[in-house]
Amino acid sequence: MITQAERWVNEYCGKSFTGTIPDGVVFATLEMARYLMNRQMLEDGMLEELPTKLSDVLRICKDPLSKNKVTPDYTASTSDYNLTNRRG
């Protein structure tokens, strides 16, 4: 469950975290892992219903991750995408 949660956090933030990990990332990873674990327990018949909805978990997780999200730099110049100009 932790691996799936880490994958979701890395995908949402646009980067993977190694070394020192910010508290918000740890919090969001654990919250998502708890949701995934509860979902698995529901499928296994150990729970009758999920204690939280996915939409609530996403809202809880996205707030602390907002400071760690990477957005790609966009450019208006098509020459930046021309790989022949990048050769040394």
Protein backbone atom coordinates (compact mmCIF):
# COMPACT_ATOMS: atom_id res chain seq x y z
CA MET A 1 0.00 0.00 0.00
CA ILE A 2 2.84 2.39 0.80
CA THR A 3 4.39 1.86 -2.63
CA GLN A 4 1.09 2.68 -4.35
CA ALA A 5 0.68 5.76 -2.17
CA GLU A 6 4.25 6.88 -2.90
CA ARG A 7 3.61 6.42 -6.61
CA TRP A 8 0.48 8.59 -6.41
CA VAL A 9 2.33 11.33 -4.47
CA ASN A 10 5.26 11.30 -6.90
CA GLU A 11 2.90 11.45 -9.87
CA TYR A 12 0.89 14.31 -8.34
CA CYS A 13 3.99 16.33 -7.43
CA GLY A 14 5.79 15.65 -10.69
CA LYS A 15 8.94 14.40 -8.98
CA SER A 16 10.14 11.62 -6.74
CA PHE A 17 11.46 12.30 -3.27
CA THR A 18 14.73 10.90 -1.99
CA GLY A 19 16.80 11.80 1.05
CA THR A 20 15.04 14.32 3.26
CA ILE A 21 11.32 14.24 2.58
CA PRO A 22 9.10 17.22 3.53
CA ASP A 23 6.49 16.62 6.23
CA GLY A 24 3.61 17.34 3.85
CA VAL A 25 4.77 14.59 1.52
CA VAL A 26 5.04 12.08 4.37
CA PHE A 27 1.58 13.08 5.63
CA ALA A 28 -0.03 12.75 2.20
CA THR A 29 1.68 9.41 1.56
CA LEU A 30 0.44 7.97 4.85
CA GLU A 31 -3.10 9.30 4.31
CA MET A 32 -3.26 7.79 0.83
CA ALA A 33 -1.81 4.50 2.13
CA ARG A 34 -4.47 4.39 4.84
CA TYR A 35 -7.21 4.92 2.25
CA LEU A 36 -5.77 2.18 0.01
CA MET A 37 -5.49 -0.19 2.97
CA ASN A 38 -9.12 0.49 3.97
CA ARG A 39 -10.22 -0.11 0.39
CA GLN A 40 -8.41 -3.45 0.37
CA MET A 41 -10.02 -4.39 3.70
CA LEU A 42 -13.43 -3.50 2.22
CA GLU A 43 -12.77 -5.75 -0.78
CA ASP A 44 -11.67 -8.56 1.57
CA GLY A 45 -14.91 -8.23 3.56
CA MET A 46 -13.29 -6.95 6.75
CA LEU A 47 -15.09 -3.58 6.52
CA GLU A 48 -18.70 -2.90 5.63
CA GLU A 49 -18.03 0.57 4.21
CA LEU A 50 -15.12 2.94 3.71
CA PRO A 51 -14.61 5.37 6.59
CA THR A 52 -13.67 8.18 4.17
CA LYS A 53 -14.45 8.93 0.54
CA LEU A 54 -11.70 9.20 -2.05
CA SER A 55 -12.66 12.82 -2.73
CA ASP A 56 -12.06 13.67 0.94
CA VAL A 57 -8.70 11.90 0.94
CA LEU A 58 -7.64 13.73 -2.23
CA ARG A 59 -8.62 17.06 -0.71
CA ILE A 60 -6.69 16.27 2.48
CA CYS A 61 -3.62 15.11 0.55
CA LYS A 62 -3.44 17.82 -2.11
CA ASP A 63 -3.27 20.72 0.34
CA PRO A 64 0.10 19.83 1.96
CA LEU A 65 1.48 18.71 -1.42
CA SER A 66 0.80 22.07 -3.08
CA LYS A 67 4.15 23.44 -1.82
CA ASN A 68 6.02 20.47 -3.27
CA LYS A 69 4.38 20.33 -6.69
CA VAL A 70 6.58 20.89 -9.73
CA THR A 71 5.08 22.53 -12.77
CA PRO A 72 6.96 22.31 -16.06
CA ASP A 73 8.29 25.52 -17.55
CA TYR A 74 6.51 26.25 -20.79
CA THR A 75 8.03 28.21 -23.61
CA ALA A 76 6.67 29.91 -26.69
CA SER A 77 9.83 29.18 -28.68
CA THR A 78 9.67 26.05 -30.81
CA SER A 79 13.47 26.08 -31.15
CA ASP A 80 13.67 24.96 -27.51
CA TYR A 81 12.18 21.65 -28.62
CA ASN A 82 14.49 21.21 -31.61
CA LEU A 83 16.98 18.57 -30.48
CA THR A 84 19.47 19.35 -33.25
CA ASN A 85 20.12 22.73 -31.59
CA ARG A 86 20.97 20.96 -28.33
CA ARG A 87 23.88 18.92 -29.66
CA GLY A 88 27.31 19.91 -28.43
